[in-house]
PDB file of N, CA and C in Angstrom:
ATOM      1  N   MET A   1     105.698 107.205 134.376  1.00  0.00           N
ATOM      2  CA  MET A   1     105.092 108.518 134.294  1.00  0.00           C
ATOM      3  C   MET A   1     105.392 109.069 132.907  1.00  0.00           C
ATOM      4  N   GLU A   2     106.513 108.945 132.386  1.00  0.00           N
ATOM      5  CA  GLU A   2     106.939 109.381 131.150  1.00  0.00           C
ATOM      6  C   GLU A   2     106.080 108.653 129.934  1.00  0.00           C
ATOM      7  N   ASP A   3     105.853 107.302 130.142  1.00  0.00           N
ATOM      8  CA  ASP A   3     105.079 106.633 129.216  1.00  0.00           C
ATOM      9  C   ASP A   3     103.623 107.120 129.155  1.00  0.00           C
ATOM     10  N   GLU A   4     103.097 107.447 130.363  1.00  0.00           N
ATOM     11  CA  GLU A   4     101.722 108.021 130.325  1.00  0.00           C
ATOM     12  C   GLU A   4     101.668 109.384 129.680  1.00  0.00           C
ATOM     13  N   GLN A   5     102.679 110.136 129.730  1.00  0.00           N
ATOM     14  CA  GLN A   5     102.744 111.428 129.086  1.00  0.00           C
ATOM     15  C   GLN A   5     102.848 111.299 127.510  1.00  0.00           C
ATOM     16  N   ASN A   6     103.689 110.317 127.128  1.00  0.00           N
ATOM     17  CA  ASN A   6     103.854 110.009 125.722  1.00  0.00           C
ATOM     18  C   ASN A   6     102.508 109.536 125.094  1.00  0.00           C
ATOM     19  N   LEU A   7     101.890 108.709 125.883  1.00  0.00           N
ATOM     20  CA  LEU A   7     100.584 108.085 125.440  1.00  0.00           C
ATOM     21  C   LEU A   7      99.530 109.215 125.278  1.00  0.00           C
ATOM     22  N   LYS A   8      99.505 110.091 126.175  1.00  0.00           N
ATOM     23  CA  LYS A   8      98.597 111.275 126.199  1.00  0.00           C
ATOM     24  C   LYS A   8      98.897 112.136 125.040  1.00  0.00           C
ATOM     25  N   LEU A   9     100.165 112.419 124.727  1.00  0.00           N
ATOM     26  CA  LEU A   9     100.565 113.206 123.656  1.00  0.00           C
ATOM     27  C   LEU A   9     100.194 112.604 122.237  1.00  0.00           C
ATOM     28  N   MET A  10     100.365 111.284 122.194  1.00  0.00           N
ATOM     29  CA  MET A  10      99.970 110.615 120.960  1.00  0.00           C
ATOM     30  C   MET A  10      98.531 110.633 120.744  1.00  0.00           C
ATOM     31  N   TYR A  11      97.690 110.459 121.753  1.00  0.00           N
ATOM     32  CA  TYR A  11      96.194 110.467 121.532  1.00  0.00           C
ATOM     33  C   TYR A  11      95.747 111.890 121.207  1.00  0.00           C
ATOM     34  N   GLU A  12      96.352 112.849 121.921  1.00  0.00           N
ATOM     35  CA  GLU A  12      95.997 114.279 121.539  1.00  0.00           C
ATOM     36  C   GLU A  12      96.345 114.629 120.116  1.00  0.00           C
ATOM     37  N   CYS A  13      97.401 114.123 119.648  1.00  0.00           N
ATOM     38  CA  CYS A  13      97.743 114.360 118.218  1.00  0.00           C
ATOM     39  C   CYS A  13      96.853 113.553 117.254  1.00  0.00           C
ATOM     40  N   ILE A  14      96.516 112.321 117.638  1.00  0.00           N
ATOM     41  CA  ILE A  14      95.580 111.598 116.775  1.00  0.00           C
ATOM     42  C   ILE A  14      94.310 112.330 116.624  1.00  0.00           C
ATOM     43  N   GLN A  15      93.833 113.030 117.656  1.00  0.00           N
ATOM     44  CA  GLN A  15      92.560 113.716 117.564  1.00  0.00           C
ATOM     45  C   GLN A  15      92.618 114.899 116.541  1.00  0.00           C
ATOM     46  N   LYS A  16      93.837 115.356 116.189  1.00  0.00           N
ATOM     47  CA  LYS A  16      94.050 116.436 115.242  1.00  0.00           C
ATOM     48  C   LYS A  16      94.033 115.925 113.815  1.00  0.00           C
ATOM     49  N   LEU A  17      94.063 114.609 113.598  1.00  0.00           N
ATOM     50  CA  LEU A  17      94.025 114.024 112.270  1.00  0.00           C
ATOM     51  C   LEU A  17      92.619 114.183 111.665  1.00  0.00           C
ATOM     52  N   ASN A  18      92.560 114.017 110.345  1.00  0.00           N
ATOM     53  CA  ASN A  18      91.303 113.964 109.717  1.00  0.00           C
ATOM     54  C   ASN A  18      90.583 112.647 110.032  1.00  0.00           C
ATOM     55  N   PRO A  19      89.282 112.536 109.831  1.00  0.00           N
ATOM     56  CA  PRO A  19      88.628 111.332 110.263  1.00  0.00           C
ATOM     57  C   PRO A  19      89.097 110.059 109.635  1.00  0.00           C
ATOM     58  N   ILE A  20      89.472 110.092 108.380  1.00  0.00           N
ATOM     59  CA  ILE A  20      89.939 108.873 107.679  1.00  0.00           C
ATOM     60  C   ILE A  20      91.333 108.445 108.286  1.00  0.00           C
ATOM     61  N   ASP A  21      92.273 109.386 108.447  1.00  0.00           N
ATOM     62  CA  ASP A  21      93.547 109.099 108.982  1.00  0.00           C
ATOM     63  C   ASP A  21      93.450 108.601 110.435  1.00  0.00           C
ATOM     64  N   LYS A  22      92.495 109.216 111.151  1.00  0.00           N
ATOM     65  CA  LYS A  22      92.264 108.723 112.594  1.00  0.00           C
ATOM     66  C   LYS A  22      91.777 107.309 112.601  1.00  0.00           C
ATOM     67  N   ALA A  23      90.859 107.013 111.690  1.00  0.00           N
ATOM     68  CA  ALA A  23      90.417 105.656 111.668  1.00  0.00           C
ATOM     69  C   ALA A  23      91.487 104.644 111.354  1.00  0.00           C
ATOM     70  N   LEU A  24      92.322 105.008 110.320  1.00  0.00           N
ATOM     71  CA  LEU A  24      93.367 104.140 109.925  1.00  0.00           C
ATOM     72  C   LEU A  24      94.337 103.879 111.101  1.00  0.00           C
ATOM     73  N   ILE A  25      94.681 104.954 111.817  1.00  0.00           N
ATOM     74  CA  ILE A  25      95.581 104.785 112.984  1.00  0.00           C
ATOM     75  C   ILE A  25      95.023 103.875 114.042  1.00  0.00           C
ATOM     76  N   PHE A  26      93.722 104.142 114.306  1.00  0.00           N
ATOM     77  CA  PHE A  26      93.091 103.253 115.349  1.00  0.00           C
ATOM     78  C   PHE A  26      93.027 101.808 114.922  1.00  0.00           C
ATOM     79  N   TYR A  27      92.730 101.487 113.615  1.00  0.00           N
ATOM     80  CA  TYR A  27      92.783 100.154 113.197  1.00  0.00           C
ATOM     81  C   TYR A  27      94.244  99.601 113.349  1.00  0.00           C
ATOM     82  N   TYR A  28      95.204 100.364 112.990  1.00  0.00           N
ATOM     83  CA  TYR A  28      96.547  99.935 113.168  1.00  0.00           C
ATOM     84  C   TYR A  28      96.892  99.701 114.626  1.00  0.00           C
ATOM     85  N   LEU A  29      96.458 100.533 115.469  1.00  0.00           N
ATOM     86  CA  LEU A  29      96.714 100.287 116.938  1.00  0.00           C
ATOM     87  C   LEU A  29      96.031  99.087 117.513  1.00  0.00           C
ATOM     88  N   GLU A  30      94.956  98.681 116.838  1.00  0.00           N
ATOM     89  CA  GLU A  30      94.168  97.496 117.253  1.00  0.00           C
ATOM     90  C   GLU A  30      94.747  96.233 116.456  1.00  0.00           C
ATOM     91  N   ASP A  31      95.946  96.368 115.859  1.00  0.00           N
ATOM     92  CA  ASP A  31      96.550  95.285 115.170  1.00  0.00           C
ATOM     93  C   ASP A  31      95.863  94.688 113.989  1.00  0.00           C
ATOM     94  N   PHE A  32      95.007  95.481 113.332  1.00  0.00           N
ATOM     95  CA  PHE A  32      94.308  94.998 112.089  1.00  0.00           C
ATOM     96  C   PHE A  32      95.446  94.897 111.027  1.00  0.00           C
ATOM     97  N   SER A  33      95.278  93.873 110.206  1.00  0.00           N
ATOM     98  CA  SER A  33      96.206  93.596 109.095  1.00  0.00           C
ATOM     99  C   SER A  33      95.824  94.649 107.958  1.00  0.00           C
ATOM    100  N   GLY A  34      96.687  94.781 106.990  1.00  0.00           N
ATOM    101  CA  GLY A  34      96.424  95.623 105.913  1.00  0.00           C
ATOM    102  C   GLY A  34      95.130  95.241 105.155  1.00  0.00           C
ATOM    103  N   LYS A  35      94.943  93.918 105.018  1.00  0.00           N
ATOM    104  CA  LYS A  35      93.775  93.324 104.407  1.00  0.00           C
ATOM    105  C   LYS A  35      92.517  93.678 105.212  1.00  0.00           C
ATOM    106  N   GLU A  36      92.635  93.546 106.546  1.00  0.00           N
ATOM    107  CA  GLU A  36      91.440  93.847 107.405  1.00  0.00           C
ATOM    108  C   GLU A  36      91.093  95.340 107.328  1.00  0.00           C
ATOM    109  N   ILE A  37      92.140  96.153 107.334  1.00  0.00           N
ATOM    110  CA  ILE A  37      91.876  97.629 107.268  1.00  0.00           C
ATOM    111  C   ILE A  37      91.150  97.985 105.933  1.00  0.00           C
ATOM    112  N   ALA A  38      91.719  97.405 104.904  1.00  0.00           N
ATOM    113  CA  ALA A  38      91.041  97.585 103.518  1.00  0.00           C
ATOM    114  C   ALA A  38      89.616  97.181 103.543  1.00  0.00           C
ATOM    115  N   GLU A  39      89.301  96.013 104.150  1.00  0.00           N
ATOM    116  CA  GLU A  39      87.945  95.578 104.135  1.00  0.00           C
ATOM    117  C   GLU A  39      87.047  96.538 104.939  1.00  0.00           C
ATOM    118  N   GLN A  40      87.528  96.984 106.078  1.00  0.00           N
ATOM    119  CA  GLN A  40      86.764  97.919 106.943  1.00  0.00           C
ATOM    120  C   GLN A  40      86.559  99.290 106.245  1.00  0.00           C
ATOM    121  N   MET A  41      87.595  99.711 105.452  1.00  0.00           N
ATOM    122  CA  MET A  41      87.455 101.037 104.885  1.00  0.00           C
ATOM    123  C   MET A  41      86.851 101.043 103.510  1.00  0.00           C
ATOM    124  N   GLY A  42      86.705  99.784 102.945  1.00  0.00           N
ATOM    125  CA  GLY A  42      86.120  99.691 101.573  1.00  0.00           C
ATOM    126  C   GLY A  42      87.066 100.115 100.510  1.00  0.00           C
ATOM    127  N   ILE A  43      88.317  99.915 100.722  1.00  0.00           N
ATOM    128  CA  ILE A  43      89.407 100.298  99.703  1.00  0.00           C
ATOM    129  C   ILE A  43      90.319  99.076  99.432  1.00  0.00           C
ATOM    130  N   SER A  44      91.136  99.157  98.444  1.00  0.00           N
ATOM    131  CA  SER A  44      92.084  98.095  98.144  1.00  0.00           C
ATOM    132  C   SER A  44      93.169  97.933  99.220  1.00  0.00           C
ATOM    133  N   GLU A  45      93.679  96.788  99.335  1.00  0.00           N
ATOM    134  CA  GLU A  45      94.790  96.585 100.394  1.00  0.00           C
ATOM    135  C   GLU A  45      95.966  97.489 100.072  1.00  0.00           C
ATOM    136  N   GLY A  46      96.417  97.663  98.862  1.00  0.00           N
ATOM    137  CA  GLY A  46      97.462  98.495  98.625  1.00  0.00           C
ATOM    138  C   GLY A  46      97.173  99.866  98.978  1.00  0.00           C
ATOM    139  N   ASN A  47      95.961 100.365  98.673  1.00  0.00           N
ATOM    140  CA  ASN A  47      95.529 101.776  99.006  1.00  0.00           C
ATOM    141  C   ASN A  47      95.539 101.961 100.450  1.00  0.00           C
ATOM    142  N   ALA A  48      95.092 100.940 101.252  1.00  0.00           N
ATOM    143  CA  ALA A  48      95.117 100.990 102.665  1.00  0.00           C
ATOM    144  C   ALA A  48      96.464 101.160 103.245  1.00  0.00           C
ATOM    145  N   ARG A  49      97.426 100.394 102.694  1.00  0.00           N
ATOM    146  CA  ARG A  49      98.727 100.459 103.197  1.00  0.00           C
ATOM    147  C   ARG A  49      99.395 101.815 102.949  1.00  0.00           C
ATOM    148  N   VAL A  50      99.128 102.380 101.681  1.00  0.00           N
ATOM    149  CA  VAL A  50      99.617 103.734 101.396  1.00  0.00           C
ATOM    150  C   VAL A  50      99.071 104.766 102.263  1.00  0.00           C
ATOM    151  N   LYS A  51      97.741 104.751 102.476  1.00  0.00           N
ATOM    152  CA  LYS A  51      97.052 105.705 103.240  1.00  0.00           C
ATOM    153  C   LYS A  51      97.473 105.590 104.754  1.00  0.00           C
ATOM    154  N   LEU A  52      97.681 104.384 105.278  1.00  0.00           N
ATOM    155  CA  LEU A  52      98.122 104.134 106.627  1.00  0.00           C
ATOM    156  C   LEU A  52      99.523 104.770 106.727  1.00  0.00           C
ATOM    157  N   ASN A  53     100.402 104.517 105.855  1.00  0.00           N
ATOM    158  CA  ASN A  53     101.853 105.040 105.984  1.00  0.00           C
ATOM    159  C   ASN A  53     101.887 106.593 106.027  1.00  0.00           C
ATOM    160  N   ARG A  54     100.931 107.214 105.180  1.00  0.00           N
ATOM    161  CA  ARG A  54     100.824 108.675 105.116  1.00  0.00           C
ATOM    162  C   ARG A  54     100.229 109.134 106.441  1.00  0.00           C
ATOM    163  N   ALA A  55      99.235 108.477 106.978  1.00  0.00           N
ATOM    164  CA  ALA A  55      98.640 108.857 108.280  1.00  0.00           C
ATOM    165  C   ALA A  55      99.683 108.712 109.402  1.00  0.00           C
ATOM    166  N   LYS A  56     100.446 107.662 109.426  1.00  0.00           N
ATOM    167  CA  LYS A  56     101.530 107.491 110.390  1.00  0.00           C
ATOM    168  C   LYS A  56     102.506 108.668 110.244  1.00  0.00           C
ATOM    169  N   ASP A  57     102.900 109.087 109.040  1.00  0.00           N
ATOM    170  CA  ASP A  57     103.830 110.111 108.817  1.00  0.00           C
ATOM    171  C   ASP A  57     103.227 111.468 109.350  1.00  0.00           C
ATOM    172  N   LYS A  58     101.971 111.698 109.119  1.00  0.00           N
ATOM    173  CA  LYS A  58     101.313 112.929 109.623  1.00  0.00           C
ATOM    174  C   LYS A  58     101.324 112.931 111.166  1.00  0.00           C
ATOM    175  N   LEU A  59     101.047 111.733 111.747  1.00  0.00           N
ATOM    176  CA  LEU A  59     101.036 111.673 113.202  1.00  0.00           C
ATOM    177  C   LEU A  59     102.397 111.869 113.768  1.00  0.00           C
ATOM    178  N   LYS A  60     103.429 111.319 113.234  1.00  0.00           N
ATOM    179  CA  LYS A  60     104.836 111.549 113.590  1.00  0.00           C
ATOM    180  C   LYS A  60     105.179 113.006 113.609  1.00  0.00           C
ATOM    181  N   GLU A  61     104.768 113.664 112.528  1.00  0.00           N
ATOM    182  CA  GLU A  61     105.067 115.116 112.312  1.00  0.00           C
ATOM    183  C   GLU A  61     104.340 115.848 113.392  1.00  0.00           C
ATOM    184  N   LEU A  62     103.126 115.576 113.679  1.00  0.00           N
ATOM    185  CA  LEU A  62     102.295 116.314 114.790  1.00  0.00           C
ATOM    186  C   LEU A  62     103.045 116.032 116.129  1.00  0.00           C
ATOM    187  N   ILE A  63     103.375 114.862 116.354  1.00  0.00           N
ATOM    188  CA  ILE A  63     103.982 114.518 117.701  1.00  0.00           C
ATOM    189  C   ILE A  63     105.359 115.238 117.830  1.00  0.00           C
ATOM    190  N   ASN A  64     106.128 115.213 116.762  1.00  0.00           N
ATOM    191  CA  ASN A  64     107.497 115.957 116.812  1.00  0.00           C
ATOM    192  C   ASN A  64     107.295 117.440 117.017  1.00  0.00           C
ATOM    193  N   LYS A  65     106.377 118.015 116.308  1.00  0.00           N
ATOM    194  CA  LYS A  65     106.040 119.489 116.454  1.00  0.00           C
ATOM    195  C   LYS A  65     105.718 119.745 117.950  1.00  0.00           C
ATOM    196  N   ARG A  66     104.838 119.024 118.487  1.00  0.00           N
ATOM    197  CA  ARG A  66     104.270 119.121 119.823  1.00  0.00           C
ATOM    198  C   ARG A  66     105.442 119.001 120.836  1.00  0.00           C
ATOM    199  N   ALA A  67     106.141 117.877 120.695  1.00  0.00           N
ATOM    200  CA  ALA A  67     107.235 117.546 121.631  1.00  0.00           C
ATOM    201  C   ALA A  67     108.328 118.587 121.607  1.00  0.00           C
ATOM    202  N   SER A  68     108.657 119.155 120.472  1.00  0.00           N
ATOM    203  CA  SER A  68     109.614 120.230 120.395  1.00  0.00           C
ATOM    204  C   SER A  68     109.206 121.502 121.020  1.00  0.00           C
ATOM    205  N   ARG A  69     107.935 121.702 121.089  1.00  0.00           N
ATOM    206  CA  ARG A  69     107.391 122.953 121.778  1.00  0.00           C
ATOM    207  C   ARG A  69     107.460 122.826 123.244  1.00  0.00           C
ATOM    208  N   ASP A  70     107.245 121.593 123.778  1.00  0.00           N
ATOM    209  CA  ASP A  70     107.192 121.410 125.195  1.00  0.00           C
ATOM    210  C   ASP A  70     108.490 121.410 125.804  1.00  0.00           C
TER     211      ASP A  70
END
């Protein structure tokens, strides 16, 4: 039950991300490599990794804010 709530919380927070960050997170969740993400996004692999890390940080922040409110 708790896992379902955590999953729901994560997806609710993903929906609050901007479209690029949202896409990066979904590629990550689908186990795309940094190279594959870069190819899909039309950016360099290094840029994809940086953007993905920033998107994950934003997502963690949203989740922590939401979890602390509940």
